[in-house]
Amino acid sequence: NWVVQYDGCTFSPDTGGGVAFTNPQRTGPCDVHDRCYQTCGLDRNACDQEFCQNLRYACQDVFGPDRNHCMAVADSMCSGVNLPPPIFFNEGQRKACNCCP
């Protein structure tokens, strides 16, 4: 059985506008994204779309200028995750499934 290896928000800040994108309960957008990438057979695009939605949703509870900052960080992270090549996705799938190149 594969145990998900959480790494927070790889190459990105763990917070944006006062919002935590990762947490000890592993329920933040980055945590959910780590879990999605390391669940055998899931689709990368679906994982990335869910990640972007979760980032933006996390910013909804922020008000004032911090919300704009949070959304800017979320948009930047969303753009970054969609860049090829899918190294982290392929690695997560290989580990979780023990099947993928």
C-alpha atoms as a PDB file:
ATOM      1  CA  ASN A   1       0.000   0.000   0.000  1.00  0.00           C
ATOM      2  CA  TRP A   2       1.302   3.389  -1.018  1.00  0.00           C
ATOM      3  CA  VAL A   3       1.424   6.103   1.646  1.00  0.00           C
ATOM      4  CA  VAL A   4       1.100   9.601   0.202  1.00  0.00           C
ATOM      5  CA  GLN A   5       4.191  11.741   0.641  1.00  0.00           C
ATOM      6  CA  TYR A   6       3.111  15.322   1.285  1.00  0.00           C
ATOM      7  CA  ASP A   7       5.518  18.121   0.448  1.00  0.00           C
ATOM      8  CA  GLY A   8       3.316  21.171   0.881  1.00  0.00           C
ATOM      9  CA  CYS A   9       3.356  23.621  -1.987  1.00  0.00           C
ATOM     10  CA  THR A  10       6.420  22.606  -3.978  1.00  0.00           C
ATOM     11  CA  PHE A  11       8.351  25.629  -5.290  1.00  0.00           C
ATOM     12  CA  SER A  12       5.518  27.928  -4.139  1.00  0.00           C
ATOM     13  CA  PRO A  13       4.595  29.725  -0.944  1.00  0.00           C
ATOM     14  CA  ASP A  14       2.558  27.709   1.541  1.00  0.00           C
ATOM     15  CA  THR A  15       0.363  30.771   2.156  1.00  0.00           C
ATOM     16  CA  GLY A  16      -1.180  33.580   0.160  1.00  0.00           C
ATOM     17  CA  GLY A  17      -2.841  36.641   1.604  1.00  0.00           C
ATOM     18  CA  GLY A  18      -2.974  35.018   5.032  1.00  0.00           C
ATOM     19  CA  VAL A  19      -4.500  31.769   3.742  1.00  0.00           C
ATOM     20  CA  ALA A  20      -2.709  28.481   4.409  1.00  0.00           C
ATOM     21  CA  PHE A  21      -2.547  26.331   1.279  1.00  0.00           C
ATOM     22  CA  THR A  22      -1.212  23.395   3.316  1.00  0.00           C
ATOM     23  CA  ASN A  23      -1.890  22.339   6.898  1.00  0.00           C
ATOM     24  CA  PRO A  24      -1.168  19.581   9.428  1.00  0.00           C
ATOM     25  CA  GLN A  25      -4.582  17.987   8.733  1.00  0.00           C
ATOM     26  CA  ARG A  26      -3.561  17.613   5.057  1.00  0.00           C
ATOM     27  CA  THR A  27      -6.736  19.294   3.819  1.00  0.00           C
ATOM     28  CA  GLY A  28      -5.257  22.360   2.087  1.00  0.00           C
ATOM     29  CA  PRO A  29      -5.196  22.730  -1.709  1.00  0.00           C
ATOM     30  CA  CYS A  30      -1.547  21.662  -1.954  1.00  0.00           C
ATOM     31  CA  ASP A  31      -2.176  18.626   0.247  1.00  0.00           C
ATOM     32  CA  VAL A  32      -5.182  17.546  -1.813  1.00  0.00           C
ATOM     33  CA  HIS A  33      -3.094  18.029  -4.959  1.00  0.00           C
ATOM     34  CA  ASP A  34      -0.275  15.864  -3.565  1.00  0.00           C
ATOM     35  CA  ARG A  35      -2.821  13.152  -2.767  1.00  0.00           C
ATOM     36  CA  CYS A  36      -4.411  13.385  -6.214  1.00  0.00           C
ATOM     37  CA  TYR A  37      -1.054  13.067  -8.005  1.00  0.00           C
ATOM     38  CA  GLN A  38      -0.272  10.005  -5.894  1.00  0.00           C
ATOM     39  CA  THR A  39      -3.580   8.200  -6.384  1.00  0.00           C
ATOM     40  CA  CYS A  40      -3.135   5.489  -8.978  1.00  0.00           C
ATOM     41  CA  GLY A  41      -4.988   6.023 -12.228  1.00  0.00           C
ATOM     42  CA  LEU A  42      -6.150   9.594 -11.738  1.00  0.00           C
ATOM     43  CA  ASP A  43      -5.890  12.103 -14.571  1.00  0.00           C
ATOM     44  CA  ARG A  44      -3.321  14.900 -14.304  1.00  0.00           C
ATOM     45  CA  ASN A  45      -5.622  17.500 -15.855  1.00  0.00           C
ATOM     46  CA  ALA A  46      -8.384  16.640 -13.397  1.00  0.00           C
ATOM     47  CA  CYS A  47      -5.924  16.933 -10.485  1.00  0.00           C
ATOM     48  CA  ASP A  48      -4.675  20.294 -11.736  1.00  0.00           C
ATOM     49  CA  GLN A  49      -8.183  21.667 -12.328  1.00  0.00           C
ATOM     50  CA  GLU A  50      -9.244  20.629  -8.829  1.00  0.00           C
ATOM     51  CA  PHE A  51      -6.085  22.246  -7.442  1.00  0.00           C
ATOM     52  CA  CYS A  52      -6.842  25.560  -9.139  1.00  0.00           C
ATOM     53  CA  GLN A  53     -10.457  25.492  -7.936  1.00  0.00           C
ATOM     54  CA  ASN A  54      -9.356  24.698  -4.376  1.00  0.00           C
ATOM     55  CA  LEU A  55      -6.796  27.522  -4.364  1.00  0.00           C
ATOM     56  CA  ARG A  56      -9.379  30.057  -5.505  1.00  0.00           C
ATOM     57  CA  TYR A  57     -11.958  28.683  -3.071  1.00  0.00           C
ATOM     58  CA  ALA A  58      -9.465  29.096  -0.204  1.00  0.00           C
ATOM     59  CA  CYS A  59      -9.131  32.787  -1.109  1.00  0.00           C
ATOM     60  CA  GLN A  60     -12.889  33.395  -0.868  1.00  0.00           C
ATOM     61  CA  ASP A  61     -12.698  33.819   2.911  1.00  0.00           C
ATOM     62  CA  VAL A  62     -10.142  36.621   2.605  1.00  0.00           C
ATOM     63  CA  PHE A  63     -11.308  40.237   2.430  1.00  0.00           C
ATOM     64  CA  GLY A  64      -9.780  43.507   1.286  1.00  0.00           C
ATOM     65  CA  PRO A  65      -6.357  43.790  -0.312  1.00  0.00           C
ATOM     66  CA  ASP A  66      -5.329  40.404   1.085  1.00  0.00           C
ATOM     67  CA  ARG A  67      -7.933  38.742  -1.150  1.00  0.00           C
ATOM     68  CA  ASN A  68      -6.312  40.274  -4.236  1.00  0.00           C
ATOM     69  CA  HIS A  69      -2.920  39.064  -3.042  1.00  0.00           C
ATOM     70  CA  CYS A  70      -4.303  35.598  -2.323  1.00  0.00           C
ATOM     71  CA  MET A  71      -5.917  35.371  -5.781  1.00  0.00           C
ATOM     72  CA  ALA A  72      -2.698  36.541  -7.448  1.00  0.00           C
ATOM     73  CA  VAL A  73      -0.728  33.842  -5.623  1.00  0.00           C
ATOM     74  CA  ALA A  74      -3.394  31.252  -6.480  1.00  0.00           C
ATOM     75  CA  ASP A  75      -3.374  32.244 -10.165  1.00  0.00           C
ATOM     76  CA  SER A  76       0.414  32.076 -10.279  1.00  0.00           C
ATOM     77  CA  MET A  77       0.447  28.644  -8.651  1.00  0.00           C
ATOM     78  CA  CYS A  78      -2.283  27.463 -10.998  1.00  0.00           C
ATOM     79  CA  SER A  79      -0.313  28.613 -14.041  1.00  0.00           C
ATOM     80  CA  GLY A  80       2.838  26.962 -12.749  1.00  0.00           C
ATOM     81  CA  VAL A  81       1.268  23.574 -12.132  1.00  0.00           C
ATOM     82  CA  ASN A  82       0.046  23.407 -15.724  1.00  0.00           C
ATOM     83  CA  LEU A  83       3.508  23.759 -17.222  1.00  0.00           C
ATOM     84  CA  PRO A  84       5.010  20.691 -18.890  1.00  0.00           C
ATOM     85  CA  PRO A  85       6.673  18.321 -18.398  1.00  0.00           C
ATOM     86  CA  PRO A  86       4.540  16.477 -15.830  1.00  0.00           C
ATOM     87  CA  ILE A  87       7.507  15.265 -13.778  1.00  0.00           C
ATOM     88  CA  PHE A  88       5.767  15.335 -10.382  1.00  0.00           C
ATOM     89  CA  PHE A  89       2.607  13.695 -11.713  1.00  0.00           C
ATOM     90  CA  ASN A  90       4.529  10.907 -13.467  1.00  0.00           C
ATOM     91  CA  GLU A  91       6.644  10.305 -10.378  1.00  0.00           C
ATOM     92  CA  GLY A  92       3.567  10.181  -8.125  1.00  0.00           C
ATOM     93  CA  GLN A  93       1.793   7.769 -10.461  1.00  0.00           C
ATOM     94  CA  ARG A  94       4.860   5.554 -10.738  1.00  0.00           C
ATOM     95  CA  LYS A  95       5.161   5.343  -6.972  1.00  0.00           C
ATOM     96  CA  ALA A  96       1.440   4.868  -6.322  1.00  0.00           C
ATOM     97  CA  CYS A  97       0.747   2.403  -9.118  1.00  0.00           C
ATOM     98  CA  ASN A  98       4.174   0.882  -9.577  1.00  0.00           C
ATOM     99  CA  CYS A  99       3.193   0.824 -13.220  1.00  0.00           C
ATOM    100  CA  CYS A 100       3.891   4.082 -15.016  1.00  0.00           C
ATOM    101  CA  PRO A 101       6.959   5.246 -16.957  1.00  0.00           C
END
